[in-house]
Amino acid sequence: MNKFGIRIRKLRENKGLTLRSLATQSNLSYSFIASLEKGRYNPSRESIHSLAPPLDADVNELLMLAGFLPEHTGMKGSQEESHFVEYVNSDKQFALENIMMMPVTFQGRELKKADKTALVAFLQTFSDLKGK
């Protein structure tokens, strides 16, 4: 199995979905999803966008695992990057508030503390609005 297939299966099982129920919710065939999980087929961007909502998955994470996005996280140093990749590939959640404690770049520019604070504030507002 490949990283994408392993992650799809893990997400599906964590949500308690069968292949058929995921197929119904994503409008893809269950045999196609099974083949993705086993690494027999490579997903298209469209199939990733169909799978992400019923799995409550991050589309960008799935696109990265499928090879559509570079695996570079924008973090400096291999230790920070390996910790981030470990979180992405595990069932653990990555608390985005932790960006305050590590160097992060966006579009080649290192974010300053004020930038990170603004980003966290934006995400808090977004989360509050989404919860309503």
C-alpha atoms as a PDB file:
ATOM      1  CA  MET A   1       0.000   0.000   0.000  1.00  0.00           C
ATOM      2  CA  ASN A   2       1.037   3.584  -0.548  1.00  0.00           C
ATOM      3  CA  LYS A   3       0.776   6.487   1.901  1.00  0.00           C
ATOM      4  CA  PHE A   4      -2.399   7.757   0.257  1.00  0.00           C
ATOM      5  CA  GLY A   5      -4.127   4.382   0.401  1.00  0.00           C
ATOM      6  CA  ILE A   6      -3.095   3.793   3.998  1.00  0.00           C
ATOM      7  CA  ARG A   7      -4.396   7.219   5.023  1.00  0.00           C
ATOM      8  CA  ILE A   8      -7.719   6.788   3.191  1.00  0.00           C
ATOM      9  CA  ARG A   9      -8.301   3.419   4.846  1.00  0.00           C
ATOM     10  CA  LYS A  10      -7.391   4.782   8.282  1.00  0.00           C
ATOM     11  CA  LEU A  11      -9.720   7.771   7.868  1.00  0.00           C
ATOM     12  CA  ARG A  12     -12.549   5.554   6.611  1.00  0.00           C
ATOM     13  CA  GLU A  13     -12.180   3.073   9.457  1.00  0.00           C
ATOM     14  CA  ASN A  14     -11.923   5.852  12.056  1.00  0.00           C
ATOM     15  CA  LYS A  15     -15.209   7.270  10.762  1.00  0.00           C
ATOM     16  CA  GLY A  16     -16.780   3.807  10.916  1.00  0.00           C
ATOM     17  CA  LEU A  17     -17.531   3.815   7.195  1.00  0.00           C
ATOM     18  CA  THR A  18     -17.690   0.756   4.995  1.00  0.00           C
ATOM     19  CA  LEU A  19     -16.359   0.888   1.455  1.00  0.00           C
ATOM     20  CA  ARG A  20     -19.937   0.953   0.173  1.00  0.00           C
ATOM     21  CA  SER A  21     -21.039   3.787   2.460  1.00  0.00           C
ATOM     22  CA  LEU A  22     -17.992   5.857   1.505  1.00  0.00           C
ATOM     23  CA  ALA A  23     -18.690   5.071  -2.148  1.00  0.00           C
ATOM     24  CA  THR A  24     -22.256   6.326  -1.785  1.00  0.00           C
ATOM     25  CA  GLN A  25     -21.202   9.504  -0.009  1.00  0.00           C
ATOM     26  CA  SER A  26     -18.373  10.281  -2.439  1.00  0.00           C
ATOM     27  CA  ASN A  27     -20.144   9.199  -5.649  1.00  0.00           C
ATOM     28  CA  LEU A  28     -17.261   6.855  -6.454  1.00  0.00           C
ATOM     29  CA  SER A  29     -17.441   3.085  -6.867  1.00  0.00           C
ATOM     30  CA  TYR A  30     -16.531   0.962  -3.870  1.00  0.00           C
ATOM     31  CA  SER A  31     -14.188  -1.125  -6.036  1.00  0.00           C
ATOM     32  CA  PHE A  32     -12.330   2.033  -7.098  1.00  0.00           C
ATOM     33  CA  ILE A  33     -11.946   3.115  -3.453  1.00  0.00           C
ATOM     34  CA  ALA A  34     -10.738  -0.375  -2.498  1.00  0.00           C
ATOM     35  CA  SER A  35      -8.182  -0.195  -5.305  1.00  0.00           C
ATOM     36  CA  LEU A  36      -7.034   3.224  -4.072  1.00  0.00           C
ATOM     37  CA  GLU A  37      -6.600   1.842  -0.559  1.00  0.00           C
ATOM     38  CA  LYS A  38      -4.533  -1.053  -1.904  1.00  0.00           C
ATOM     39  CA  GLY A  39      -2.425   1.225  -4.093  1.00  0.00           C
ATOM     40  CA  ARG A  40      -3.584  -0.356  -7.356  1.00  0.00           C
ATOM     41  CA  TYR A  41      -4.799   2.955  -8.791  1.00  0.00           C
ATOM     42  CA  ASN A  42      -3.617   6.498  -8.405  1.00  0.00           C
ATOM     43  CA  PRO A  43      -6.319   8.981  -7.458  1.00  0.00           C
ATOM     44  CA  SER A  44      -7.221  11.951  -9.599  1.00  0.00           C
ATOM     45  CA  ARG A  45      -7.625  15.409  -8.120  1.00  0.00           C
ATOM     46  CA  GLU A  46     -11.363  15.060  -8.659  1.00  0.00           C
ATOM     47  CA  SER A  47     -11.584  11.771  -6.768  1.00  0.00           C
ATOM     48  CA  ILE A  48      -9.613  13.284  -3.875  1.00  0.00           C
ATOM     49  CA  HIS A  49     -12.041  16.192  -3.734  1.00  0.00           C
ATOM     50  CA  SER A  50     -14.912  13.681  -3.688  1.00  0.00           C
ATOM     51  CA  LEU A  51     -13.382  11.585  -0.893  1.00  0.00           C
ATOM     52  CA  ALA A  52     -12.324  14.374   1.465  1.00  0.00           C
ATOM     53  CA  PRO A  53     -15.744  15.624   2.699  1.00  0.00           C
ATOM     54  CA  PRO A  54     -17.229  12.286   3.848  1.00  0.00           C
ATOM     55  CA  LEU A  55     -13.908  11.443   5.521  1.00  0.00           C
ATOM     56  CA  ASP A  56     -13.645  14.900   7.153  1.00  0.00           C
ATOM     57  CA  ALA A  57     -10.173  14.955   5.638  1.00  0.00           C
ATOM     58  CA  ASP A  58      -7.942  17.841   4.670  1.00  0.00           C
ATOM     59  CA  VAL A  59      -7.919  17.996   0.872  1.00  0.00           C
ATOM     60  CA  ASN A  60      -4.381  19.402   0.833  1.00  0.00           C
ATOM     61  CA  GLU A  61      -3.095  16.538   2.974  1.00  0.00           C
ATOM     62  CA  LEU A  62      -4.638  14.010   0.586  1.00  0.00           C
ATOM     63  CA  LEU A  63      -3.303  15.877  -2.447  1.00  0.00           C
ATOM     64  CA  MET A  64       0.159  15.868  -0.868  1.00  0.00           C
ATOM     65  CA  LEU A  65       0.026  12.147  -0.096  1.00  0.00           C
ATOM     66  CA  ALA A  66      -1.102  11.444  -3.664  1.00  0.00           C
ATOM     67  CA  GLY A  67       1.823  13.439  -5.059  1.00  0.00           C
ATOM     68  CA  PHE A  68      -0.111  16.441  -6.374  1.00  0.00           C
ATOM     69  CA  LEU A  69       1.461  18.851  -3.861  1.00  0.00           C
ATOM     70  CA  PRO A  70       5.057  19.022  -2.690  1.00  0.00           C
ATOM     71  CA  GLU A  71       5.710  17.529   0.721  1.00  0.00           C
ATOM     72  CA  HIS A  72       7.559  20.655   1.862  1.00  0.00           C
ATOM     73  CA  THR A  73       5.756  21.995   4.918  1.00  0.00           C
ATOM     74  CA  GLY A  74       7.333  25.423   5.006  1.00  0.00           C
ATOM     75  CA  MET A  75       9.096  24.677   8.294  1.00  0.00           C
ATOM     76  CA  LYS A  76      12.785  25.076   8.814  1.00  0.00           C
ATOM     77  CA  GLY A  77      14.841  22.198  10.062  1.00  0.00           C
ATOM     78  CA  SER A  78      14.374  18.506   9.619  1.00  0.00           C
ATOM     79  CA  GLN A  79      13.309  17.882  13.229  1.00  0.00           C
ATOM     80  CA  GLU A  80      10.314  20.238  13.033  1.00  0.00           C
ATOM     81  CA  GLU A  81       9.384  18.907   9.617  1.00  0.00           C
ATOM     82  CA  SER A  82       9.584  15.293  10.755  1.00  0.00           C
ATOM     83  CA  HIS A  83       7.359  16.089  13.757  1.00  0.00           C
ATOM     84  CA  PHE A  84       4.804  17.687  11.442  1.00  0.00           C
ATOM     85  CA  VAL A  85       4.839  14.752   9.017  1.00  0.00           C
ATOM     86  CA  GLU A  86       4.490  12.378  11.977  1.00  0.00           C
ATOM     87  CA  TYR A  87       1.357  14.236  13.087  1.00  0.00           C
ATOM     88  CA  VAL A  88      -0.095  14.231   9.563  1.00  0.00           C
ATOM     89  CA  ASN A  89       0.425  10.495   9.180  1.00  0.00           C
ATOM     90  CA  SER A  90      -0.912   9.567  12.612  1.00  0.00           C
ATOM     91  CA  ASP A  91      -4.304   9.644  14.271  1.00  0.00           C
ATOM     92  CA  LYS A  92      -3.032  12.459  16.483  1.00  0.00           C
ATOM     93  CA  GLN A  93      -4.261  15.957  15.920  1.00  0.00           C
ATOM     94  CA  PHE A  94      -1.860  18.777  15.198  1.00  0.00           C
ATOM     95  CA  ALA A  95      -2.751  21.825  17.282  1.00  0.00           C
ATOM     96  CA  LEU A  96      -2.233  24.750  14.946  1.00  0.00           C
ATOM     97  CA  GLU A  97      -1.631  26.943  17.974  1.00  0.00           C
ATOM     98  CA  ASN A  98       1.783  25.254  18.071  1.00  0.00           C
ATOM     99  CA  ILE A  99       2.907  27.381  15.129  1.00  0.00           C
ATOM    100  CA  MET A 100       3.776  30.016  17.726  1.00  0.00           C
ATOM    101  CA  MET A 101       6.594  27.799  18.988  1.00  0.00           C
ATOM    102  CA  MET A 102       8.278  26.927  15.690  1.00  0.00           C
ATOM    103  CA  PRO A 103       9.647  28.732  12.660  1.00  0.00           C
ATOM    104  CA  VAL A 104       7.123  28.735   9.811  1.00  0.00           C
ATOM    105  CA  THR A 105       7.409  30.202   6.333  1.00  0.00           C
ATOM    106  CA  PHE A 106       4.716  31.142   3.858  1.00  0.00           C
ATOM    107  CA  GLN A 107       5.588  31.828   0.220  1.00  0.00           C
ATOM    108  CA  GLY A 108       9.269  31.858   1.118  1.00  0.00           C
ATOM    109  CA  ARG A 109       8.924  34.441   3.897  1.00  0.00           C
ATOM    110  CA  GLU A 110       9.328  33.536   7.559  1.00  0.00           C
ATOM    111  CA  LEU A 111       6.267  34.483   9.564  1.00  0.00           C
ATOM    112  CA  LYS A 112       6.903  36.838  12.455  1.00  0.00           C
ATOM    113  CA  LYS A 113       5.195  36.414  15.819  1.00  0.00           C
ATOM    114  CA  ALA A 114       2.617  39.074  14.897  1.00  0.00           C
ATOM    115  CA  ASP A 115       1.854  37.231  11.631  1.00  0.00           C
ATOM    116  CA  LYS A 116       1.335  33.965  13.478  1.00  0.00           C
ATOM    117  CA  THR A 117      -0.854  35.660  16.090  1.00  0.00           C
ATOM    118  CA  ALA A 118      -2.993  37.159  13.326  1.00  0.00           C
ATOM    119  CA  LEU A 119      -3.260  33.768  11.642  1.00  0.00           C
ATOM    120  CA  VAL A 120      -4.368  32.062  14.852  1.00  0.00           C
ATOM    121  CA  ALA A 121      -6.896  34.887  15.469  1.00  0.00           C
ATOM    122  CA  PHE A 122      -8.272  34.459  11.940  1.00  0.00           C
ATOM    123  CA  LEU A 123      -8.612  30.713  12.435  1.00  0.00           C
ATOM    124  CA  GLN A 124     -10.364  31.265  15.772  1.00  0.00           C
ATOM    125  CA  THR A 125     -12.860  33.617  14.106  1.00  0.00           C
ATOM    126  CA  PHE A 126     -13.364  31.135  11.268  1.00  0.00           C
ATOM    127  CA  SER A 127     -13.917  28.328  13.761  1.00  0.00           C
ATOM    128  CA  ASP A 128     -16.387  30.412  15.767  1.00  0.00           C
ATOM    129  CA  LEU A 129     -18.371  31.306  12.641  1.00  0.00           C
ATOM    130  CA  LYS A 130     -18.353  27.725  11.389  1.00  0.00           C
ATOM    131  CA  GLY A 131     -19.702  26.535  14.745  1.00  0.00           C
ATOM    132  CA  LYS A 132     -22.806  28.746  14.454  1.00  0.00           C
END
